[in-house]
N, C-alpha and C. Protein backbone atom coordinates (compact mmCIF):
# COMPACT_ATOMS: atom_id res chain seq x y z
N MET A 1 78.30 -91.40 26.21
CA MET A 1 79.60 -91.01 25.42
C MET A 1 79.11 -90.89 24.10
N GLU A 2 78.48 -89.27 23.70
CA GLU A 2 78.05 -89.58 22.51
C GLU A 2 78.43 -88.41 21.51
N VAL A 3 78.30 -88.29 20.36
CA VAL A 3 79.24 -87.37 19.43
C VAL A 3 78.33 -86.12 19.23
N ARG A 4 78.55 -85.10 19.42
CA ARG A 4 78.18 -83.87 19.58
C ARG A 4 78.23 -83.26 18.06
N ASP A 5 77.33 -82.45 17.82
CA ASP A 5 77.71 -81.39 16.50
C ASP A 5 78.69 -80.59 16.75
N THR A 6 79.07 -79.89 17.67
CA THR A 6 80.25 -79.42 17.87
C THR A 6 80.96 -80.06 18.78
N ILE A 7 82.31 -79.61 18.60
CA ILE A 7 83.47 -80.10 19.15
C ILE A 7 84.66 -79.85 19.89
N GLU A 8 84.64 -80.09 21.11
CA GLU A 8 85.65 -79.40 21.78
C GLU A 8 86.79 -78.51 21.13
N ALA A 9 87.22 -77.54 21.37
CA ALA A 9 88.72 -77.03 21.23
C ALA A 9 89.46 -78.19 21.34
N GLY A 10 90.44 -78.81 20.30
CA GLY A 10 91.47 -79.84 20.30
C GLY A 10 90.85 -81.21 19.83
N THR A 11 90.13 -81.23 19.86
CA THR A 11 89.60 -82.63 19.64
C THR A 11 89.40 -82.61 18.21
N LYS A 12 89.13 -83.83 17.84
CA LYS A 12 88.91 -84.07 16.20
C LYS A 12 87.79 -85.44 16.23
N LYS A 13 86.82 -85.39 14.62
CA LYS A 13 86.23 -86.35 14.67
C LYS A 13 87.01 -87.47 13.54
N ALA A 14 86.37 -88.86 13.62
CA ALA A 14 86.74 -89.86 12.85
C ALA A 14 85.46 -90.24 12.29
N THR A 15 85.14 -91.10 10.94
CA THR A 15 84.02 -91.75 10.82
C THR A 15 84.56 -93.00 9.94
N PHE A 16 84.26 -93.95 10.52
CA PHE A 16 84.25 -95.37 10.07
C PHE A 16 83.57 -95.88 9.64
N ALA A 17 83.38 -96.87 8.81
CA ALA A 17 82.34 -98.45 8.09
C ALA A 17 83.02 -99.44 8.14
N ALA A 18 82.29 -100.38 9.16
CA ALA A 18 83.66 -101.84 8.52
C ALA A 18 82.25 -103.00 9.17
N GLY A 19 81.11 -102.77 8.76
CA GLY A 19 79.93 -103.81 9.04
C GLY A 19 78.98 -103.29 10.09
N CYS A 20 78.30 -104.22 10.56
CA CYS A 20 77.61 -103.54 11.90
C CYS A 20 78.14 -102.98 12.47
N PHE A 21 77.44 -101.49 12.80
CA PHE A 21 77.88 -100.57 13.66
C PHE A 21 78.29 -100.96 15.26
N TRP A 22 77.74 -102.29 15.50
CA TRP A 22 77.49 -102.38 17.09
C TRP A 22 78.83 -103.27 17.44
N GLY A 23 79.71 -103.70 16.64
CA GLY A 23 80.83 -104.32 16.98
C GLY A 23 81.68 -103.28 16.74
N VAL A 24 81.65 -102.22 15.68
CA VAL A 24 82.62 -101.22 15.49
C VAL A 24 83.05 -100.19 16.41
N GLU A 25 81.38 -99.83 16.65
CA GLU A 25 81.29 -99.02 18.36
C GLU A 25 82.09 -99.32 19.58
N ALA A 26 82.05 -100.62 19.60
CA ALA A 26 82.07 -101.10 20.96
C ALA A 26 83.47 -101.30 21.00
N ALA A 27 84.15 -101.26 19.68
CA ALA A 27 84.98 -101.75 19.46
C ALA A 27 86.48 -100.65 20.11
N PHE A 28 85.74 -99.15 19.46
CA PHE A 28 85.82 -97.52 19.41
C PHE A 28 86.28 -97.39 20.69
N ARG A 29 84.92 -97.54 21.74
CA ARG A 29 84.94 -97.18 22.98
C ARG A 29 85.91 -97.65 23.83
N GLU A 30 86.40 -98.36 23.21
CA GLU A 30 87.27 -99.02 24.34
C GLU A 30 89.15 -98.11 24.32
N VAL A 31 88.88 -97.55 23.17
CA VAL A 31 90.57 -96.82 22.99
C VAL A 31 90.44 -95.73 23.78
N GLU A 32 91.49 -95.92 24.79
CA GLU A 32 92.14 -94.00 25.24
C GLU A 32 92.14 -93.32 24.58
N GLY A 33 91.59 -92.33 24.72
CA GLY A 33 91.46 -90.73 23.79
C GLY A 33 90.41 -90.62 23.04
N VAL A 34 89.67 -92.16 23.06
CA VAL A 34 88.17 -91.88 22.26
C VAL A 34 87.40 -90.73 23.27
N ILE A 35 86.93 -90.24 23.42
CA ILE A 35 85.90 -88.88 24.02
C ILE A 35 84.65 -89.56 23.77
N SER A 36 84.00 -90.17 22.75
CA SER A 36 82.57 -90.22 22.29
C SER A 36 82.63 -90.85 21.36
N THR A 37 81.48 -91.60 20.77
CA THR A 37 80.99 -92.28 19.63
C THR A 37 79.54 -92.26 19.70
N ALA A 38 79.16 -92.78 18.38
CA ALA A 38 77.47 -92.35 18.03
C ALA A 38 77.55 -93.47 17.09
N ALA A 39 76.57 -94.57 16.76
CA ALA A 39 76.36 -95.56 15.59
C ALA A 39 75.08 -94.55 14.86
N GLY A 40 75.65 -94.71 13.63
CA GLY A 40 74.82 -94.13 12.38
C GLY A 40 75.00 -94.24 11.02
N TYR A 41 74.46 -93.62 9.94
CA TYR A 41 74.28 -93.38 8.93
C TYR A 41 75.21 -92.43 8.21
N THR A 42 76.07 -92.79 7.17
CA THR A 42 76.38 -91.60 6.39
C THR A 42 76.53 -92.29 4.98
N GLY A 43 77.03 -91.53 4.16
CA GLY A 43 77.51 -91.93 2.68
C GLY A 43 76.31 -92.22 1.93
N GLY A 44 75.13 -91.82 2.03
CA GLY A 44 73.83 -91.86 0.93
C GLY A 44 73.36 -90.75 0.90
N ALA A 45 72.35 -90.79 0.43
CA ALA A 45 71.57 -89.35 -0.37
C ALA A 45 70.06 -89.23 0.90
N THR A 46 69.39 -90.71 1.00
CA THR A 46 68.58 -90.07 2.08
C THR A 46 68.63 -89.57 3.25
N GLU A 47 67.83 -88.39 3.63
CA GLU A 47 67.77 -87.28 4.48
C GLU A 47 67.39 -87.96 5.49
N ASP A 48 68.08 -88.24 6.79
CA ASP A 48 67.68 -88.77 7.75
C ASP A 48 66.83 -90.10 8.17
N PRO A 49 67.57 -90.85 7.39
CA PRO A 49 66.66 -92.26 7.46
C PRO A 49 66.57 -93.11 8.32
N SER A 50 65.69 -94.08 8.42
CA SER A 50 65.47 -94.93 9.48
C SER A 50 66.25 -96.14 9.30
N TYR A 51 67.14 -96.94 10.21
CA TYR A 51 67.20 -97.94 10.18
C TYR A 51 66.56 -99.38 9.42
N GLU A 52 65.78 -99.05 9.58
CA GLU A 52 64.52 -99.84 8.35
C GLU A 52 64.71 -99.77 7.29
N GLU A 53 65.03 -97.97 6.85
CA GLU A 53 65.42 -97.90 5.25
C GLU A 53 66.77 -97.98 4.68
N VAL A 54 67.43 -98.20 5.90
CA VAL A 54 69.18 -98.57 5.41
C VAL A 54 69.08 -100.11 5.16
N CYS A 55 68.21 -100.51 5.75
CA CYS A 55 68.33 -102.03 5.59
C CYS A 55 68.09 -102.59 3.89
N THR A 56 67.16 -101.55 3.35
CA THR A 56 66.79 -101.97 2.32
C THR A 56 68.16 -102.24 1.45
N GLY A 57 69.34 -101.39 1.39
CA GLY A 57 70.60 -101.06 0.60
C GLY A 57 69.76 -99.92 -0.40
N GLU A 58 68.78 -99.12 -0.36
CA GLU A 58 68.32 -98.15 -1.49
C GLU A 58 68.81 -96.74 -0.94
N THR A 59 69.21 -96.71 0.29
CA THR A 59 69.52 -95.17 0.74
C THR A 59 70.65 -94.70 0.35
N GLY A 60 71.97 -95.96 0.02
CA GLY A 60 73.03 -95.39 -0.12
C GLY A 60 74.00 -95.01 1.01
N HIS A 61 72.75 -95.35 2.36
CA HIS A 61 74.03 -95.13 3.48
C HIS A 61 74.98 -96.29 3.82
N ALA A 62 75.92 -96.15 4.51
CA ALA A 62 76.85 -96.86 5.54
C ALA A 62 76.05 -97.72 6.69
N GLU A 63 76.09 -98.38 7.57
CA GLU A 63 76.22 -98.53 8.83
C GLU A 63 77.83 -97.70 9.16
N ALA A 64 77.82 -96.85 10.11
CA ALA A 64 79.14 -96.15 10.68
C ALA A 64 79.14 -95.84 11.59
N VAL A 65 80.33 -95.44 12.43
CA VAL A 65 80.77 -94.85 13.88
C VAL A 65 81.48 -93.58 13.73
N GLU A 66 80.78 -92.57 13.99
CA GLU A 66 81.70 -91.56 14.20
C GLU A 66 81.73 -91.40 15.46
N LEU A 67 83.23 -90.72 15.23
CA LEU A 67 83.69 -90.68 17.11
C LEU A 67 84.32 -89.31 17.01
N VAL A 68 84.79 -88.99 18.39
CA VAL A 68 85.47 -87.55 18.73
C VAL A 68 86.46 -88.33 19.54
N TYR A 69 87.39 -87.70 18.87
CA TYR A 69 88.93 -87.93 19.39
C TYR A 69 89.73 -86.90 20.30
N ASP A 70 91.22 -87.17 21.24
CA ASP A 70 91.61 -86.49 21.64
C ASP A 70 93.19 -86.83 21.07
N PRO A 71 93.45 -86.10 19.94
CA PRO A 71 94.95 -86.50 19.19
C PRO A 71 95.99 -86.82 20.35
N ASN A 72 96.00 -86.18 21.45
CA ASN A 72 97.23 -85.71 22.39
C ASN A 72 97.19 -87.04 22.80
N LEU A 73 96.31 -88.34 22.82
CA LEU A 73 96.07 -89.24 23.46
C LEU A 73 96.02 -90.59 22.71
N VAL A 74 95.36 -90.54 21.35
CA VAL A 74 95.41 -91.57 20.16
C VAL A 74 95.32 -90.93 18.50
N THR A 75 96.27 -91.05 18.26
CA THR A 75 96.35 -90.47 16.97
C THR A 75 95.38 -91.56 15.84
N TYR A 76 95.58 -90.57 15.09
CA TYR A 76 94.24 -90.94 13.83
C TYR A 76 94.95 -92.25 12.75
N ASP A 77 95.96 -92.09 12.95
CA ASP A 77 96.84 -93.80 12.74
C ASP A 77 96.45 -94.84 13.58
N GLU A 78 96.77 -94.85 14.74
CA GLU A 78 95.94 -95.34 15.73
C GLU A 78 94.73 -96.33 15.64
N LEU A 79 93.57 -95.41 15.13
CA LEU A 79 92.61 -94.96 15.19
C LEU A 79 92.46 -96.03 13.78
N LEU A 80 92.89 -95.70 12.39
CA LEU A 80 92.77 -96.83 11.41
C LEU A 80 93.43 -97.83 11.86
N ASP A 81 94.23 -97.89 12.41
CA ASP A 81 95.11 -99.52 12.98
C ASP A 81 93.78 -100.27 13.05
N LEU A 82 93.33 -99.79 14.34
CA LEU A 82 92.27 -100.67 14.83
C LEU A 82 91.27 -100.69 14.19
N PHE A 83 90.55 -99.73 13.25
CA PHE A 83 89.50 -99.88 11.97
C PHE A 83 90.18 -101.08 11.20
N TRP A 84 91.39 -101.24 11.09
CA TRP A 84 92.00 -102.52 9.76
C TRP A 84 91.74 -103.93 10.67
N SER A 85 92.14 -103.87 11.69
CA SER A 85 92.00 -105.06 12.04
C SER A 85 90.88 -105.72 12.68
N ILE A 86 89.69 -104.74 12.66
CA ILE A 86 87.97 -105.58 12.91
C ILE A 86 87.41 -105.75 12.01
N HIS A 87 87.67 -106.05 10.89
CA HIS A 87 87.32 -106.17 9.81
C HIS A 87 87.43 -106.74 8.87
N ASP A 88 87.37 -107.23 7.83
CA ASP A 88 88.31 -107.54 6.58
C ASP A 88 87.52 -106.59 5.34
N PRO A 89 88.70 -106.21 5.20
CA PRO A 89 88.61 -104.90 4.35
C PRO A 89 88.47 -105.19 2.60
N THR A 90 88.79 -106.82 2.23
CA THR A 90 88.56 -107.02 1.00
C THR A 90 87.23 -107.62 0.54
N THR A 91 86.33 -107.58 1.69
CA THR A 91 84.71 -108.10 0.88
C THR A 91 83.69 -107.02 0.65
N ARG A 92 83.49 -107.08 -0.31
CA ARG A 92 82.48 -105.83 -0.92
C ARG A 92 80.82 -105.88 -0.34
N ASP A 93 80.80 -105.09 0.11
CA ASP A 93 79.47 -105.07 0.56
C ASP A 93 79.16 -106.07 1.26
N ARG A 94 80.14 -106.72 2.54
CA ARG A 94 79.50 -107.78 3.50
C ARG A 94 80.74 -107.77 4.63
N GLN A 95 80.23 -108.22 5.27
CA GLN A 95 81.01 -108.47 6.89
C GLN A 95 80.40 -109.92 7.36
N GLY A 96 81.12 -110.72 7.25
CA GLY A 96 80.62 -111.95 7.99
C GLY A 96 79.16 -112.15 7.52
N PRO A 97 77.74 -112.74 8.07
CA PRO A 97 76.57 -112.77 7.66
C PRO A 97 75.57 -111.65 6.86
N ASP A 98 76.45 -110.50 7.10
CA ASP A 98 75.64 -109.20 6.72
C ASP A 98 76.11 -108.68 5.47
N VAL A 99 75.44 -108.87 4.12
CA VAL A 99 75.88 -108.64 3.36
C VAL A 99 74.71 -107.27 2.81
N GLY A 100 75.05 -106.68 1.80
CA GLY A 100 74.02 -105.39 1.47
C GLY A 100 75.48 -104.26 1.55
N SER A 101 74.94 -103.49 0.63
CA SER A 101 75.94 -101.84 0.70
C SER A 101 76.27 -101.18 1.76
N GLN A 102 75.07 -101.39 2.63
CA GLN A 102 75.32 -100.73 3.95
C GLN A 102 76.06 -101.10 4.96
N TYR A 103 76.81 -102.31 4.53
CA TYR A 103 78.03 -103.07 5.38
C TYR A 103 79.33 -102.85 4.72
N ARG A 104 79.14 -101.71 3.97
CA ARG A 104 80.63 -101.89 3.12
C ARG A 104 81.69 -101.25 4.19
N SER A 105 82.66 -101.63 3.84
CA SER A 105 84.07 -101.29 4.49
C SER A 105 84.23 -99.58 4.13
N ALA A 106 84.65 -98.52 4.95
CA ALA A 106 84.64 -97.07 4.45
C ALA A 106 85.19 -96.36 5.17
N VAL A 107 86.14 -95.22 4.97
CA VAL A 107 86.67 -94.71 5.82
C VAL A 107 86.16 -93.43 5.20
N PHE A 108 85.63 -92.32 6.18
CA PHE A 108 84.69 -91.43 5.85
C PHE A 108 85.69 -89.86 6.40
N PHE A 109 86.67 -89.81 5.68
CA PHE A 109 87.52 -88.80 6.26
C PHE A 109 87.37 -87.23 6.07
N HIS A 110 87.22 -86.22 7.33
CA HIS A 110 87.08 -85.55 7.59
C HIS A 110 88.14 -84.07 7.10
N ASP A 111 89.25 -84.47 6.76
CA ASP A 111 90.38 -83.58 6.15
C ASP A 111 91.25 -84.02 5.54
N PRO A 112 92.25 -83.09 4.58
CA PRO A 112 93.37 -83.68 4.04
C PRO A 112 93.96 -84.79 4.79
N ARG A 113 94.34 -84.60 6.08
CA ARG A 113 95.68 -85.35 6.54
C ARG A 113 94.86 -86.47 6.87
N GLN A 114 93.72 -87.12 7.16
CA GLN A 114 92.72 -88.13 7.44
C GLN A 114 93.03 -88.70 6.22
N GLU A 115 92.86 -88.20 4.78
CA GLU A 115 91.98 -88.83 3.76
C GLU A 115 93.76 -89.37 3.27
N GLU A 116 94.99 -88.39 3.38
CA GLU A 116 96.55 -88.97 3.15
C GLU A 116 96.62 -90.03 3.85
N ALA A 117 96.49 -89.89 5.87
CA ALA A 117 96.53 -91.04 6.40
C ALA A 117 95.84 -92.20 6.10
N ALA A 118 94.61 -92.28 5.45
CA ALA A 118 93.91 -93.80 4.99
C ALA A 118 94.37 -94.20 3.70
N ARG A 119 94.61 -93.34 3.00
CA ARG A 119 95.10 -93.88 1.51
C ARG A 119 96.50 -94.77 1.58
N SER A 120 97.37 -93.78 2.68
CA SER A 120 98.59 -94.62 2.58
C SER A 120 98.58 -95.91 3.61
N ALA A 121 97.58 -95.74 4.33
CA ALA A 121 97.73 -96.94 5.26
C ALA A 121 97.02 -98.20 4.34
N LYS A 122 96.13 -98.33 3.81
CA LYS A 122 95.50 -99.10 2.84
C LYS A 122 96.58 -99.35 1.75
N GLU A 123 97.16 -98.89 1.27
CA GLU A 123 98.46 -99.21 0.11
C GLU A 123 99.31 -100.34 1.27
N ARG A 124 99.92 -99.54 2.13
CA ARG A 124 100.47 -100.11 2.59
C ARG A 124 100.32 -102.00 3.12
N LEU A 125 99.02 -101.66 3.45
CA LEU A 125 98.01 -102.94 3.93
C LEU A 125 97.94 -103.82 2.94
N GLN A 126 97.78 -103.40 1.75
CA GLN A 126 97.49 -103.98 0.33
C GLN A 126 99.21 -104.68 -0.05
N SER A 127 100.22 -104.05 0.00
CA SER A 127 101.29 -104.34 -0.14
C SER A 127 101.40 -105.28 0.78
N SER A 128 101.50 -105.34 1.94
CA SER A 128 102.24 -106.41 3.39
C SER A 128 101.90 -107.66 2.72
N GLY A 129 100.84 -108.24 1.55
CA GLY A 129 100.84 -109.26 1.57
C GLY A 129 100.05 -110.10 2.81
N LEU A 130 99.42 -109.53 3.80
CA LEU A 130 98.34 -109.78 4.44
C LEU A 130 97.19 -110.68 4.06
N TYR A 131 97.15 -109.76 3.12
CA TYR A 131 95.59 -109.85 2.35
C TYR A 131 95.39 -110.70 0.47
N ARG A 132 95.12 -111.48 0.25
CA ARG A 132 95.27 -112.30 -1.04
C ARG A 132 94.71 -111.41 -1.80
N ARG A 133 93.45 -110.79 -1.37
CA ARG A 133 92.34 -110.49 -2.34
C ARG A 133 93.12 -108.66 -2.21
N GLU A 134 92.27 -107.99 -2.98
CA GLU A 134 92.35 -106.10 -3.07
C GLU A 134 91.12 -105.64 -2.02
N ILE A 135 92.50 -105.10 -1.20
CA ILE A 135 91.03 -104.33 -0.23
C ILE A 135 90.06 -103.43 -0.89
N VAL A 136 88.96 -103.56 -0.41
CA VAL A 136 88.08 -103.10 -1.63
C VAL A 136 87.41 -101.24 -0.53
N THR A 137 88.36 -101.16 0.65
CA THR A 137 87.55 -100.12 0.96
C THR A 137 87.66 -98.47 0.69
N GLU A 138 86.77 -98.21 0.85
CA GLU A 138 86.23 -96.82 0.16
C GLU A 138 87.06 -95.59 1.01
N ILE A 139 87.38 -94.99 0.33
CA ILE A 139 88.03 -93.58 1.24
C ILE A 139 87.37 -92.32 0.60
N VAL A 140 86.67 -91.85 1.25
CA VAL A 140 85.54 -90.98 0.45
C VAL A 140 85.78 -89.86 1.98
N PRO A 141 85.16 -88.28 1.08
CA PRO A 141 84.83 -87.48 2.01
C PRO A 141 83.56 -87.37 3.23
N ALA A 142 84.14 -87.41 4.05
CA ALA A 142 82.64 -87.20 5.26
C ALA A 142 81.72 -86.75 4.69
N SER A 143 80.51 -87.05 4.85
CA SER A 143 79.24 -86.47 4.83
C SER A 143 78.03 -86.30 5.97
N LYS A 144 77.45 -85.74 6.03
CA LYS A 144 76.40 -85.66 6.62
C LYS A 144 76.17 -87.23 7.50
N PHE A 145 76.23 -87.38 8.99
CA PHE A 145 76.09 -88.09 9.50
C PHE A 145 74.98 -88.17 10.54
N TYR A 146 74.24 -89.18 10.40
CA TYR A 146 72.73 -89.32 10.81
C TYR A 146 72.68 -90.46 12.16
N ARG A 147 72.52 -89.93 13.45
CA ARG A 147 72.71 -90.80 14.46
C ARG A 147 71.75 -91.59 14.54
N ALA A 148 71.85 -92.80 14.16
CA ALA A 148 70.98 -93.92 14.70
C ALA A 148 69.96 -93.92 15.65
N GLU A 149 69.03 -94.70 15.78
CA GLU A 149 68.16 -94.72 16.61
C GLU A 149 68.74 -95.19 18.13
N GLU A 150 68.43 -94.66 19.19
CA GLU A 150 68.79 -95.01 20.39
C GLU A 150 69.21 -96.42 20.64
N TYR A 151 67.99 -96.95 20.22
CA TYR A 151 68.46 -98.68 20.61
C TYR A 151 69.61 -99.14 20.04
N HIS A 152 70.34 -98.56 19.10
CA HIS A 152 71.44 -99.10 18.52
C HIS A 152 72.78 -98.54 19.21
N GLN A 153 72.61 -97.33 20.02
CA GLN A 153 73.76 -96.85 20.70
C GLN A 153 74.14 -97.64 21.94
N ARG A 154 75.23 -97.85 21.87
CA ARG A 154 75.96 -99.05 22.65
C ARG A 154 75.19 -100.37 22.84
N TYR A 155 75.24 -100.26 22.44
CA TYR A 155 74.18 -101.91 21.66
C TYR A 155 74.42 -103.12 22.81
N PHE A 156 76.02 -103.25 22.74
CA PHE A 156 76.24 -104.62 23.44
C PHE A 156 76.65 -104.10 24.65
N GLU A 157 77.10 -103.28 25.20
CA GLU A 157 76.78 -102.94 26.68
C GLU A 157 75.55 -103.33 27.28
N LYS A 158 74.05 -102.62 26.43
CA LYS A 158 72.73 -102.73 26.87
C LYS A 158 72.75 -104.00 27.11
N HIS A 159 73.07 -104.79 26.09
CA HIS A 159 72.63 -106.65 25.99
C HIS A 159 73.55 -107.47 26.45
N GLY A 160 74.68 -106.87 27.32
CA GLY A 160 75.45 -107.57 28.06
C GLY A 160 76.52 -108.44 27.42
N ARG A 161 76.57 -107.60 26.45
CA ARG A 161 78.04 -108.45 25.73
C ARG A 161 79.51 -107.64 25.27
N LYS A 162 80.09 -107.92 25.19
CA LYS A 162 81.27 -107.61 24.59
C LYS A 162 81.71 -106.76 23.40
N GLY A 163 81.33 -107.92 22.38
CA GLY A 163 81.35 -107.80 21.12
C GLY A 163 81.68 -108.78 20.02
N CYS A 164 81.66 -108.56 19.33
CA CYS A 164 81.78 -109.83 17.96
C CYS A 164 82.94 -109.48 17.36
N ARG A 165 83.07 -110.80 16.68
CA ARG A 165 83.84 -110.96 16.00
C ARG A 165 83.39 -111.78 14.57
N VAL A 166 83.56 -111.24 14.00
CA VAL A 166 82.39 -112.10 12.82
C VAL A 166 83.37 -113.05 11.56
N TRP A 167 84.44 -112.52 11.45
CA TRP A 167 85.28 -113.34 10.45
C TRP A 167 86.58 -113.43 10.74
């Protein structure tokens, strides 16, 4: 299950950054209606970066997951709900022990509907009182997505783990 450059008619793309991409990818792979996932890098200036380059924090890229989903089986709003639930959106450039801009919280929207949904969800969550601190999640247009090295794809499955929760 990997994200393809072209997607089938009737499917859509979504891209999320919520810390280390291993756990993010594993969480979205469990969702009925998610057709494919890919761990990778986006949001920065360096073309075709390596993991080592992204880890320096100098590429501007975030570790992210791009997915293709069937909106007849899962809505973008449901994907957003999962996104918010799997990380702490109030920590800037950090998730658990992972520190650096590559671990930032971000929604990379692919169309105006996704942008509106992400902004509305962020506002609702902020006003809900669930978090004492400000939600710092970036909501920005999707840019070129660079698929991470193969050893990062489906990492937990390859290593016999179900996932992680670091916060």
